[in-house]
Amino acid sequence: MQEITAATTVNRSGRQLIEVFLYLQILDILTTLIGFSLGNQEASPMVRMMVRWGPVNGLVISKIVAVGVAALCLLLRRRKLIHWINYWYAAIVVWNLYTTLRVLNG
């Protein structure tokens, strides 16, 4: 039987944080694109500026920046910050869903 060490637990929890982060990024892209197709506008000033280059281009650039920030957090051993970033992106996805449903329900 394999012995579970503290390092294994930390690696597993770090991997889960990154997986959740990446899933939230995908959900943010999908819900944002759906919102754009329904006429919604980007709320973030930084992303709104990037979307001027096209919705997909702007979102991809913003996600590259987000992944870079997450990688920096890992390099600096700031996993707790990624935990809070995940909460932020979960709230963004919920907001995107809300605005989409608001448009659909007129």
Protein backbone atom coordinates (compact mmCIF):
# COMPACT_ATOMS: atom_id res chain seq x y z
CA MET A 1 0.00 0.00 0.00
CA GLN A 2 1.34 3.42 -0.93
CA GLU A 3 2.08 5.76 1.91
CA ILE A 4 0.45 9.16 1.59
CA THR A 5 2.81 11.92 2.61
CA ALA A 6 2.24 15.59 3.27
CA ALA A 7 3.98 16.41 -0.02
CA THR A 8 1.59 14.14 -1.93
CA THR A 9 -1.39 15.83 -0.29
CA VAL A 10 -0.02 19.29 -1.12
CA ASN A 11 0.64 18.26 -4.74
CA ARG A 12 -2.86 16.83 -5.04
CA SER A 13 -4.49 19.94 -3.59
CA GLY A 14 -2.38 22.17 -5.85
CA ARG A 15 -3.40 20.12 -8.86
CA GLN A 16 -7.06 20.41 -7.88
CA LEU A 17 -6.72 24.18 -7.54
CA ILE A 18 -5.26 24.42 -11.04
CA GLU A 19 -7.91 22.09 -12.49
CA VAL A 20 -10.70 24.19 -10.98
CA PHE A 21 -8.97 27.34 -12.24
CA LEU A 22 -8.76 25.99 -15.80
CA TYR A 23 -12.38 24.77 -15.78
CA LEU A 24 -13.52 28.19 -14.60
CA GLN A 25 -11.54 29.83 -17.40
CA ILE A 26 -13.29 27.62 -19.95
CA LEU A 27 -16.69 28.36 -18.40
CA ASP A 28 -15.92 32.08 -18.42
CA ILE A 29 -15.03 31.97 -22.12
CA LEU A 30 -18.16 30.01 -23.01
CA THR A 31 -20.57 32.09 -20.95
CA THR A 32 -18.99 35.33 -22.17
CA LEU A 33 -19.25 34.29 -25.82
CA ILE A 34 -22.89 33.29 -25.30
CA GLY A 35 -23.52 36.67 -23.70
CA PHE A 36 -21.83 38.46 -26.61
CA SER A 37 -24.01 36.56 -29.07
CA LEU A 38 -27.08 37.84 -27.19
CA GLY A 39 -25.87 41.44 -27.21
CA ASN A 40 -24.33 41.62 -23.74
CA GLN A 41 -21.24 43.79 -23.24
CA GLU A 42 -18.04 43.00 -21.37
CA ALA A 43 -18.07 44.50 -17.86
CA SER A 44 -14.33 44.42 -17.17
CA PRO A 45 -12.58 47.54 -18.51
CA MET A 46 -9.35 45.63 -19.21
CA VAL A 47 -11.07 42.80 -21.08
CA ARG A 48 -13.37 45.29 -22.84
CA MET A 49 -10.26 46.97 -24.23
CA MET A 50 -8.91 43.60 -25.43
CA VAL A 51 -12.24 42.63 -27.01
CA ARG A 52 -11.79 45.51 -29.45
CA TRP A 53 -9.46 43.12 -31.33
CA GLY A 54 -12.37 40.72 -31.67
CA PRO A 55 -14.35 38.83 -29.02
CA VAL A 56 -12.42 35.57 -29.32
CA ASN A 57 -9.03 37.28 -29.61
CA GLY A 58 -9.69 39.47 -26.60
CA LEU A 59 -10.88 36.57 -24.49
CA VAL A 60 -7.91 34.40 -25.47
CA ILE A 61 -5.49 37.19 -24.59
CA SER A 62 -7.21 37.76 -21.25
CA LYS A 63 -7.03 34.04 -20.49
CA ILE A 64 -3.33 33.94 -21.36
CA VAL A 65 -2.83 36.74 -18.85
CA ALA A 66 -4.94 34.87 -16.25
CA VAL A 67 -2.97 31.65 -16.73
CA GLY A 68 0.25 33.66 -16.44
CA VAL A 69 -0.90 35.13 -13.14
CA ALA A 70 -1.82 31.64 -11.88
CA ALA A 71 1.60 30.32 -12.94
CA LEU A 72 3.27 33.20 -11.12
CA CYS A 73 1.24 32.38 -8.00
CA LEU A 74 2.47 28.79 -8.20
CA LEU A 75 6.09 29.85 -8.68
CA LEU A 76 5.83 32.18 -5.69
CA ARG A 77 4.05 29.47 -3.68
CA ARG A 78 0.90 31.54 -3.27
CA ARG A 79 -1.64 28.75 -3.68
CA LYS A 80 -4.06 30.47 -1.34
CA LEU A 81 -4.23 33.35 -3.83
CA ILE A 82 -5.27 30.92 -6.58
CA HIS A 83 -7.97 29.69 -4.20
CA TRP A 84 -9.36 33.26 -3.98
CA ILE A 85 -8.97 33.81 -7.72
CA ASN A 86 -11.12 30.70 -8.24
CA TYR A 87 -13.86 32.23 -6.10
CA TRP A 88 -13.63 35.40 -8.19
CA TYR A 89 -13.97 33.51 -11.49
CA ALA A 90 -16.83 31.42 -10.10
CA ALA A 91 -18.64 34.69 -9.31
CA ILE A 92 -17.91 35.94 -12.84
CA VAL A 93 -19.38 32.78 -14.38
CA VAL A 94 -22.50 33.14 -12.21
CA TRP A 95 -22.77 36.79 -13.27
CA ASN A 96 -22.43 35.82 -16.94
CA LEU A 97 -25.19 33.23 -16.53
CA TYR A 98 -27.41 35.77 -14.76
CA THR A 99 -27.01 38.40 -17.48
CA THR A 100 -27.62 35.78 -20.17
CA LEU A 101 -30.80 34.55 -18.50
CA ARG A 102 -31.95 38.14 -17.98
CA VAL A 103 -31.63 38.80 -21.72
CA LEU A 104 -33.36 35.53 -22.62
CA ASN A 105 -36.28 36.21 -20.28
CA GLY A 106 -36.63 39.75 -21.62
